[in-house]
Each structure stands twice: as structure tokens, then as C-alpha cells.
Protein backbone atom coordinates (compact mmCIF):
# COMPACT_ATOMS: atom_id res chain seq x y z
CA MET A 1 37.51 -54.52 17.93
CA ASN A 2 34.59 -56.65 19.20
CA LYS A 3 31.05 -56.45 17.90
CA ARG A 4 29.90 -54.25 20.80
CA GLN A 5 32.67 -51.71 20.22
CA LEU A 6 32.01 -51.79 16.49
CA GLY A 7 28.31 -51.07 17.06
CA ILE A 8 29.04 -48.16 19.40
CA THR A 9 31.56 -46.71 16.92
CA ALA A 10 29.05 -47.00 14.07
CA ALA A 11 26.36 -45.30 16.17
CA ILE A 12 28.71 -42.41 17.02
CA ILE A 13 29.61 -41.94 13.36
CA ALA A 14 25.94 -41.99 12.37
CA CYS A 15 25.06 -39.40 15.01
CA ALA A 16 27.98 -37.19 13.99
CA PHE A 17 26.87 -37.36 10.37
CA ALA A 18 23.27 -36.52 11.29
CA LEU A 19 24.37 -33.59 13.47
CA SER A 20 26.62 -32.29 10.71
CA ARG A 21 23.63 -32.27 8.35
CA CYS A 22 21.62 -30.29 10.92
CA ILE A 23 24.43 -27.81 11.51
CA SER A 24 25.13 -27.25 7.83
CA LYS A 25 21.47 -26.75 6.93
CA PRO A 26 20.88 -22.97 6.67
CA THR A 27 18.43 -21.46 9.11
CA PRO A 28 15.52 -19.90 7.24
CA PRO A 29 15.48 -16.10 7.46
CA ALA A 30 13.18 -14.46 9.99
CA ASP A 31 11.69 -12.46 7.13
CA PRO A 32 10.88 -13.99 3.73
CA ARG A 33 12.55 -11.03 1.99
CA GLY A 34 15.98 -12.32 3.08
CA GLU A 35 18.63 -12.10 5.76
CA GLN A 36 18.91 -8.30 5.57
CA TYR A 37 15.36 -7.97 6.88
CA ALA A 38 14.01 -8.42 10.37
CA ALA A 39 10.62 -9.98 10.98
CA ALA A 40 7.99 -7.34 10.28
CA ASN A 41 6.78 -7.14 13.90
CA THR A 42 10.31 -6.86 15.39
CA CYS A 43 10.11 -3.06 15.55
CA ALA A 44 7.44 -3.29 18.24
CA SER A 45 9.91 -4.60 20.83
CA CYS A 46 11.62 -1.18 21.07
CA HIS A 47 9.17 1.18 19.37
CA GLN A 48 5.85 -0.06 20.75
CA SER A 49 3.88 3.19 20.77
CA VAL A 50 4.98 4.22 17.26
CA TYR A 51 4.37 0.70 15.98
CA ASP A 52 0.87 0.55 17.51
CA ALA A 53 -0.06 3.95 16.05
CA TYR A 54 1.24 2.98 12.63
CA THR A 55 -0.88 -0.17 12.52
CA GLN A 56 -3.93 2.12 12.38
CA THR A 57 -2.79 3.98 9.25
CA ALA A 58 -3.90 3.44 5.66
CA HIS A 59 -0.37 2.44 4.64
CA ALA A 60 -0.47 -0.46 7.09
CA HIS A 61 -3.76 -1.67 5.59
CA THR A 62 -3.08 -1.41 1.87
CA SER A 63 -3.48 -5.19 1.56
CA ALA A 64 -4.42 -8.27 3.59
CA LEU A 65 -5.17 -11.92 3.17
CA ALA A 66 -8.92 -12.21 2.70
CA THR A 67 -10.79 -13.39 5.79
CA ALA A 68 -14.17 -12.65 7.27
CA GLY A 69 -12.42 -10.01 9.39
CA THR A 70 -10.54 -8.22 6.60
CA VAL A 71 -13.07 -8.23 3.75
CA LYS A 72 -15.49 -5.31 3.88
CA GLY A 73 -18.94 -5.56 2.34
CA ASP A 74 -22.47 -6.84 2.79
CA PHE A 75 -22.79 -10.61 2.47
CA ASN A 76 -26.38 -10.71 3.71
CA ALA A 77 -29.28 -10.79 1.23
CA PRO A 78 -30.51 -8.63 -0.43
CA GLY A 79 -27.37 -6.49 -0.19
CA ASN A 80 -25.13 -9.28 -1.45
CA VAL A 81 -26.28 -9.18 -5.10
CA PHE A 82 -24.83 -6.80 -7.70
CA HIS A 83 -26.87 -6.13 -10.86
CA PHE A 84 -25.12 -5.30 -14.14
CA SER A 85 -26.95 -3.24 -16.75
CA ASN A 86 -27.40 -6.28 -19.02
CA GLY A 87 -29.29 -8.05 -16.24
CA THR A 88 -26.42 -10.29 -15.12
CA GLU A 89 -26.22 -10.73 -11.36
CA VAL A 90 -23.13 -11.39 -9.27
CA VAL A 91 -23.79 -12.93 -5.86
CA LEU A 92 -21.39 -12.20 -3.00
CA GLU A 93 -21.63 -14.98 -0.44
CA LYS A 94 -20.00 -16.92 2.37
CA LYS A 95 -19.39 -20.61 1.89
CA GLY A 96 -18.16 -21.89 5.21
CA GLU A 97 -14.85 -20.10 5.78
CA ARG A 98 -14.65 -18.96 2.15
CA LEU A 99 -15.98 -15.74 0.63
CA VAL A 100 -16.81 -15.95 -3.08
CA GLN A 101 -18.20 -14.01 -6.05
CA ARG A 102 -20.50 -16.16 -8.19
CA THR A 103 -22.30 -15.66 -11.49
CA ASN A 104 -23.47 -17.90 -14.37
CA GLY A 105 -21.45 -20.89 -13.26
CA GLN A 106 -18.30 -18.81 -12.63
CA GLU A 107 -17.24 -18.79 -8.98
CA GLN A 108 -14.03 -17.36 -7.58
CA PRO A 109 -12.85 -16.79 -4.00
CA PHE A 110 -11.62 -13.70 -2.23
CA ASP A 111 -7.90 -14.45 -1.70
CA ILE A 112 -6.33 -11.02 -1.14
CA VAL A 113 -7.97 -7.67 -0.42
CA ILE A 114 -6.40 -4.44 -1.73
CA GLY A 115 -7.05 -1.00 -0.26
CA SER A 116 -7.31 0.32 3.28
CA GLY A 117 -11.09 0.33 3.10
CA ARG A 118 -11.38 4.03 3.92
CA LYS A 119 -13.02 4.75 0.55
CA ALA A 120 -13.09 1.40 -1.18
CA GLN A 121 -11.67 -2.10 -1.19
CA THR A 122 -11.13 -4.44 -4.10
CA SER A 123 -10.17 -8.12 -4.04
CA LEU A 124 -8.09 -10.65 -5.95
CA TYR A 125 -8.29 -14.36 -6.56
CA TRP A 126 -5.45 -16.79 -7.36
CA GLN A 127 -5.66 -19.33 -10.17
CA ASN A 128 -2.93 -21.33 -11.91
CA GLY A 129 -0.18 -19.21 -10.39
CA GLN A 130 -1.64 -15.83 -11.29
CA TYR A 131 -3.72 -13.25 -9.43
CA PHE A 132 -6.84 -11.77 -11.03
CA GLN A 133 -9.06 -8.92 -9.87
CA LEU A 134 -12.63 -9.79 -8.95
CA PRO A 135 -15.31 -7.85 -10.87
CA ILE A 136 -17.09 -6.45 -7.80
CA SER A 137 -15.55 -4.17 -5.14
CA TRP A 138 -16.90 -2.59 -1.96
CA PHE A 139 -17.46 1.18 -2.15
CA VAL A 140 -17.55 2.74 1.31
CA PRO A 141 -19.26 6.15 0.69
CA ALA A 142 -22.26 4.42 -0.92
CA ASN A 143 -22.13 1.51 1.55
CA SER A 144 -22.62 -0.71 -1.47
CA TRP A 145 -20.97 -3.11 -3.87
CA ALA A 146 -19.73 -1.53 -7.12
CA ASN A 147 -18.08 -2.66 -10.32
CA SER A 148 -14.32 -2.76 -9.78
CA PRO A 149 -12.42 0.32 -11.05
CA GLY A 150 -12.02 0.26 -14.82
CA PHE A 151 -14.31 -2.75 -15.24
CA PRO A 152 -17.25 -2.70 -17.65
CA ALA A 153 -20.65 -1.68 -16.33
CA ASP A 154 -22.66 -4.00 -18.53
CA HIS A 155 -21.13 -7.42 -17.73
CA PRO A 156 -18.78 -9.08 -15.24
CA LYS A 157 -15.26 -10.16 -16.20
CA PHE A 158 -12.79 -12.26 -14.25
CA ASP A 159 -9.70 -12.11 -16.49
CA ARG A 160 -7.85 -8.96 -15.40
CA VAL A 161 -4.34 -10.14 -14.46
CA ILE A 162 -2.68 -8.32 -11.54
CA PRO A 163 1.13 -8.00 -11.91
CA SER A 164 3.77 -7.62 -9.20
CA THR A 165 3.93 -3.87 -9.90
CA CYS A 166 0.54 -3.51 -8.17
CA PHE A 167 1.80 -5.40 -5.14
CA GLY A 168 4.90 -3.20 -5.12
CA CYS A 169 2.83 -0.33 -3.74
CA HIS A 170 0.18 -2.33 -1.91
CA SER A 171 2.33 -4.79 0.04
CA SER A 172 5.78 -5.30 1.50
CA MET A 173 6.39 -8.56 -0.38
CA ILE A 174 4.59 -10.99 -2.67
CA GLY A 175 5.90 -14.49 -3.29
CA ILE A 176 6.92 -14.67 -6.96
CA ALA A 177 7.42 -18.26 -8.09
CA GLU A 178 8.69 -17.60 -11.62
CA VAL A 179 9.13 -14.89 -14.24
CA LYS A 180 9.48 -15.96 -17.87
CA GLN A 181 9.28 -14.39 -21.29
CA GLU A 182 6.23 -15.27 -23.38
CA ASN A 183 6.29 -13.67 -26.81
CA LEU A 184 6.84 -9.97 -26.10
CA GLN A 185 5.60 -10.04 -22.51
CA LEU A 186 6.85 -11.22 -19.14
CA LYS A 187 4.61 -13.75 -17.42
CA GLU A 188 4.78 -13.87 -13.64
CA THR A 189 3.52 -16.70 -11.49
CA PHE A 190 2.95 -16.28 -7.78
CA GLU A 191 2.94 -18.52 -4.75
CA HIS A 192 -0.59 -18.73 -3.36
CA ASN A 193 -1.21 -16.24 -0.55
CA LYS A 194 2.48 -15.74 0.23
CA LEU A 195 2.13 -12.08 1.18
CA LEU A 196 3.63 -9.59 3.61
CA ALA A 197 0.54 -7.42 3.80
CA GLY A 198 0.57 -3.64 3.98
CA ILE A 199 3.55 -1.29 3.91
CA ASP A 200 5.76 -2.16 6.85
CA CYS A 201 8.43 -0.09 8.63
CA GLN A 202 11.26 -1.44 6.48
CA ARG A 203 9.77 -0.11 3.24
CA CYS A 204 10.58 3.43 4.47
CA HIS A 205 13.45 2.83 6.90
CA GLY A 206 15.34 0.12 5.01
CA PRO A 207 16.22 -3.47 5.95
CA ALA A 208 16.47 -3.74 9.74
CA ALA A 209 18.27 -7.02 10.57
CA GLU A 210 21.64 -5.37 11.24
CA HIS A 211 19.94 -2.60 13.23
CA VAL A 212 18.06 -5.11 15.40
CA ASP A 213 21.13 -7.31 16.00
CA TYR A 214 23.29 -4.34 16.96
CA HIS A 215 20.83 -2.86 19.44
CA ASN A 216 20.07 -6.25 20.98
CA GLN A 217 23.81 -6.50 21.71
CA HIS A 218 24.11 -2.83 22.77
CA PRO A 219 20.83 -2.06 24.58
CA GLN A 220 22.22 1.15 26.09
CA GLU A 221 23.04 2.67 22.69
CA LYS A 222 20.39 5.25 21.77
CA THR A 223 21.80 6.39 18.43
CA ALA A 224 20.17 4.35 15.67
CA HIS A 225 22.66 2.05 13.95
CA ALA A 226 22.26 0.86 10.35
CA MET A 227 18.86 2.43 9.92
CA LYS A 228 17.67 5.19 7.60
CA HIS A 229 15.89 8.21 9.09
CA PRO A 230 13.90 9.67 6.16
CA GLY A 231 13.96 13.12 7.75
CA LYS A 232 17.75 13.18 7.41
CA LEU A 233 17.71 12.48 3.69
CA SER A 234 17.87 15.28 1.15
CA ARG A 235 14.65 16.95 0.11
CA GLN A 236 14.55 15.15 -3.24
CA GLN A 237 15.37 11.80 -1.65
CA GLN A 238 12.43 12.25 0.72
CA LEU A 239 10.13 13.16 -2.15
CA ASP A 240 11.35 10.21 -4.23
CA MET A 241 10.44 7.80 -1.43
CA CYS A 242 6.82 8.92 -1.49
CA ALA A 243 6.68 9.45 -5.26
CA LEU A 244 7.57 5.80 -5.85
CA CYS A 245 3.90 5.00 -5.16
CA HIS A 246 2.27 8.43 -5.26
CA SER A 247 3.11 9.59 -8.77
CA GLY A 248 0.56 7.71 -10.82
CA LEU A 249 0.78 4.55 -12.89
CA LYS A 250 4.17 4.79 -14.54
CA PRO A 251 6.07 1.96 -16.31
CA MET A 252 8.73 0.49 -14.02
CA GLN A 253 12.25 -0.44 -15.05
CA ARG A 254 13.04 -1.95 -11.64
CA SER A 255 10.81 -3.52 -9.01
CA ALA A 256 9.45 -1.18 -6.35
CA PHE A 257 10.41 -3.86 -3.81
CA ASP A 258 14.08 -3.11 -4.58
CA PHE A 259 13.73 0.58 -3.66
CA LYS A 260 15.59 1.59 -0.49
CA PRO A 261 15.36 4.99 1.23
CA GLY A 262 17.90 7.26 -0.39
CA ASP A 263 17.56 5.69 -3.84
CA ALA A 264 16.77 7.88 -6.84
CA LEU A 265 13.29 7.51 -8.30
CA SER A 266 14.71 7.94 -11.80
CA GLU A 267 16.43 4.56 -11.43
CA PHE A 268 13.06 2.84 -11.00
CA LEU A 269 10.51 4.62 -13.20
CA MET A 270 10.71 4.73 -16.96
CA PRO A 271 10.92 8.34 -18.21
CA THR A 272 7.64 9.63 -19.61
CA ALA A 273 6.56 12.92 -21.15
CA PRO A 274 5.23 15.28 -18.46
CA PHE A 275 1.61 16.41 -18.58
CA PRO A 276 0.55 20.00 -17.85
CA SER A 277 -0.61 20.17 -14.25
CA LYS A 278 -4.18 20.91 -15.33
CA GLN A 279 -4.30 17.55 -17.13
CA VAL A 280 -2.94 15.50 -14.22
CA ASP A 281 -5.66 13.32 -12.69
CA VAL A 282 -6.17 13.61 -8.94
CA HIS A 283 -6.01 9.83 -8.56
CA GLY A 284 -2.54 8.69 -7.52
CA ASN A 285 -0.63 11.73 -8.80
CA GLN A 286 -0.04 13.42 -5.46
CA TYR A 287 3.64 14.09 -6.19
CA GLN A 288 3.02 15.84 -9.51
CA LEU A 289 0.20 17.96 -8.10
CA LEU A 290 2.12 18.95 -4.97
CA THR A 291 5.25 19.96 -6.88
CA ALA A 292 3.13 22.07 -9.25
CA SER A 293 1.76 24.07 -6.28
CA LYS A 294 2.99 27.56 -5.42
CA CYS A 295 3.44 26.46 -1.81
CA PHE A 296 5.97 23.91 -2.97
CA SER A 297 7.80 26.05 -5.53
CA GLY A 298 8.04 28.91 -3.04
CA SER A 299 9.68 26.75 -0.39
CA GLN A 300 13.15 25.25 -0.13
CA GLN A 301 12.18 22.64 2.46
CA MET A 302 8.62 21.51 1.79
CA THR A 303 8.17 17.73 1.42
CA CYS A 304 5.29 15.32 1.93
CA GLY A 305 6.41 15.06 5.57
CA SER A 306 5.78 18.79 6.05
CA CYS A 307 2.07 17.98 6.20
CA HIS A 308 1.87 14.23 6.86
CA ASP A 309 2.97 12.29 9.93
CA PRO A 310 3.39 8.82 8.39
CA HIS A 311 3.21 7.08 11.76
CA THR A 312 -0.26 8.35 12.68
CA SER A 313 -3.72 8.22 11.15
CA GLU A 314 -4.78 11.86 10.74
CA ARG A 315 -6.95 11.79 7.62
CA SER A 316 -10.08 13.28 9.14
CA ASN A 317 -8.36 15.84 11.37
CA MET A 318 -8.51 18.97 9.23
CA GLN A 319 -7.47 21.17 12.14
CA VAL A 320 -4.15 19.35 12.52
CA PHE A 321 -3.37 19.79 8.82
CA SER A 322 -4.49 23.43 8.97
CA GLN A 323 -2.07 24.14 11.81
CA ARG A 324 0.72 22.89 9.55
CA CYS A 325 -0.45 25.24 6.81
CA MET A 326 -0.19 28.09 9.28
CA SER A 327 3.47 27.40 9.96
CA CYS A 328 3.88 29.52 6.81
CA HIS A 329 0.44 31.17 6.47
CA GLN A 330 0.21 32.75 9.91
CA PRO A 331 -2.95 34.61 10.95
CA ASP A 332 -2.82 38.38 10.42
CA SER A 333 0.03 37.98 7.94
CA PRO A 334 -0.26 38.83 4.20
CA GLN A 335 -0.02 35.09 3.48
CA PHE A 336 -3.13 34.21 5.51
CA CYS A 337 -6.55 33.48 4.03
CA LYS A 338 -8.17 36.49 2.34
CA LEU A 339 -11.72 35.28 2.96
CA ARG A 340 -13.12 37.89 5.35
CA SER A 341 -16.70 36.64 5.54
CA LYS A 342 -15.70 34.29 8.39
CA PRO A 343 -13.83 34.99 11.64
CA SER A 344 -10.11 34.23 11.64
CA ALA A 345 -10.56 31.59 14.34
CA THR A 346 -13.04 29.73 12.13
CA LEU A 347 -10.75 29.90 9.11
CA GLN A 348 -7.95 28.37 11.14
CA GLN A 349 -10.02 25.23 11.73
CA ASN A 350 -9.98 24.04 8.11
CA CYS A 351 -7.79 25.34 5.31
CA ILE A 352 -7.91 22.00 3.52
CA ASP A 353 -11.42 21.79 2.08
CA CYS A 354 -11.02 25.14 0.35
CA HIS A 355 -7.42 24.93 -0.84
CA MET A 356 -7.19 21.15 -1.49
CA PRO A 357 -10.77 20.24 -2.39
CA ALA A 358 -12.04 16.84 -3.47
CA GLN A 359 -12.13 16.80 -7.26
CA PRO A 360 -13.45 14.35 -9.85
CA SER A 361 -11.16 11.67 -11.22
CA THR A 362 -11.44 10.28 -14.72
CA ALA A 363 -9.19 7.36 -13.78
CA ILE A 364 -11.82 5.66 -11.61
CA THR A 365 -15.55 5.49 -12.22
CA LEU A 366 -17.62 3.24 -9.99
CA LEU A 367 -21.17 2.11 -10.62
CA THR A 368 -23.37 0.87 -7.82
CA ASN A 369 -25.85 -1.54 -9.37
CA GLY A 370 -25.71 0.15 -12.75
CA GLN A 371 -25.96 3.72 -11.40
CA GLN A 372 -22.95 6.02 -11.24
CA SER A 373 -22.26 7.15 -7.70
CA PRO A 374 -21.92 10.96 -7.48
CA THR A 375 -18.98 10.77 -5.06
CA ALA A 376 -17.29 7.69 -6.46
CA ASP A 377 -14.65 9.57 -8.39
CA SER A 378 -13.99 12.47 -5.98
CA ILE A 379 -10.47 12.50 -4.55
CA ARG A 380 -8.70 15.24 -2.61
CA THR A 381 -6.29 17.08 -4.85
CA HIS A 382 -2.73 17.81 -3.77
CA MET A 383 -2.59 20.89 -6.00
CA ILE A 384 -2.64 23.55 -3.27
CA ALA A 385 -4.29 26.65 -4.73
CA VAL A 386 -7.11 29.17 -4.49
CA TYR A 387 -10.24 27.57 -5.97
């Protein structure tokens, strides 16, 4: 073999080796949760109208990376200064592309915002692998900054660690770098801003990669393959899906991210002693309050989906909810409203404010510049009753 042939042979071997490395290297998944999942926006290719409507719901906006477009609040003086009762001030300001909270030499950025912003929005910052809650949040009804829920009213603090359990109900995935035991506690470290924001379709319908692959190969098939339809689950399975995040702050024995539609809630939440319904706070305990209602106990089918369309934003449309009440409480029937001081047609416009009124919460108290806001802790109860 001459030198020219030897060189060509060597080049071919080198190319073959390089190509083999490329072929053997695994292709990264379309979704950071793994190969079972489809990219979060994949659903839009076949379900555009439902997808577009869902993007306007509170579930879709339970979290976001902090940008000038996602952070609510006043960053223009004088509205960008919060005053604690001890005289300490926290300044909320823009520094180029960054938004920060600053006080007494302490300055931390807005990294992630939590909450749809309908009533309030709080924010987190990342430092040394952990997320911490910022001391000041935006409170929508007062159009003002307020101390973050559960934070002291007399001084700012920046050391409240936010665990993955919070992200389990406020996001579809958070990048966890490491979990290790320190003394009697688990310490989690997170990858900076690796977040699938909001609650996406696959949190309620299950991993979609197989579903997407099948229907891409069989475009004429209209029966959903490898996809959970929550409405076809049992009543308790449907309730468990919602109760995972709407049954208060309960200790978890498994990550909420592992929950799939059809799973039993009891496999995820640690058992706790039940409280009497009168002692259940209106904040976050929608499941307990609903199941304690006579409407629920008197029905064999009632679930959260009996009143809520999860794909559409309906929060302010009391008439739509009232029409759903009247599927059982029909006008001129013994089950209809007994209030005779108003015409029946008027009563049909809004059952909700009377039978599910906003009630005070002891779980959250917000102060706006040292003064308690009168509506800060009012949340609509899911205990359906005569008040």
C-alpha cells in the first residue's frame, strides 16, 4: 500500500470513528423532564384553540422567569419604596435589564415570579444553588407593594428558603442539581433559572411523547392514543388530581412532579389529622371545603370539573358559574334560592357571592407600607352553604 492509499485509508477510518461518535451520542430529549414528555408547546399543533385559551388561565401563569414583562409592580418613584414599621426602606428598582430589591447594603434580583398576578405576585432570587423568597411582593387589590406572605412587618428578611415542594404546584419542572442529607434535613440545590413555568397540559393529561408520535404517524386517527382524559377517570381520581395542589400545605412523601393522572393522592401526601371544616382556612384548602359542603355530599358525581372548565379563564364570570349551580338548583324548584326579595332572573345572575363568599384567611396577612390591607386576606371559600 503506497503512501497515498495509506492516507486515504486513515482518513476514512477517522471519519468513520467520528461519525460513530455522533451516532452513538444520545439526542437530548425535547422536554427536560425526559423522553416520555413532549415539548410543552407541542399540544398547540393539533389543539390550537384549546391551547390558546389555556394560556390565559391562572394555572398557566403560576410561575415565570422574571423579566420586565412578567414582573408586576411599580418601579417608578415614589411608588417603588416600601416602608417597614421600624423605618427600614426597601427600594424596588430597575438596573438595566435587572429588577432588584435593595435595602441597607443588601441587594437581590428578581429571578422567578410566583403567582398568576390576579391577586398578588411574589418573587424569588437564586443564590449559591438555592432559591429564596424576596421580602416584598406586589398586592394587586391595593395596587401596592406589600410584605411577602408570612414575613415580618417590622423588618425585611431575605433568608426564607423555597423548596421544590413549592415549585411542585407552581411549575411543571424545576432543575434540581442535587439533594443531600444535612443533619436531619434534606438540602436541595437548584440549577439557576432552569424552569418549565406554569402548569402545562402534561401535568393533567400525563406525559405526551407517545401520544404525539402516534398521531404524527396516524394523522387520520381521532381517538386519543396514550393520553389521559381526566373526565374518564373515577370521581376520586379526578378529585385527587386537583387536591394535589388544592388541599393546603401538607407534608409530601413523594414529589408532586411524579404525580400522574389516575394516581392516588394518598401515595403522595403524608397522612395528617383532619380539622373540623369550621377550622379549615380558606387559603389553599379548596378540596377540604368543597367535600365538606352539602352540595358535594348530596351528589354522586360532583367534582371540581362540575364547576370549573380548566381550559378557560372564567374567574370573573359569575353568571357562567351560576348556570352550573342551576344544573341542580333549577328555578322554581324546592332547591332554588329562597331569597324572595329579588326577582328570580336577578338571582340567577350570581349565586356565587352569596353561597361562596370571600372570607378572611389567617394564613396570609399582607401589610402595605406598615398598614394592614382590609382585603388582603379575603379569599373565596369553597364551602358551599347558606351564609
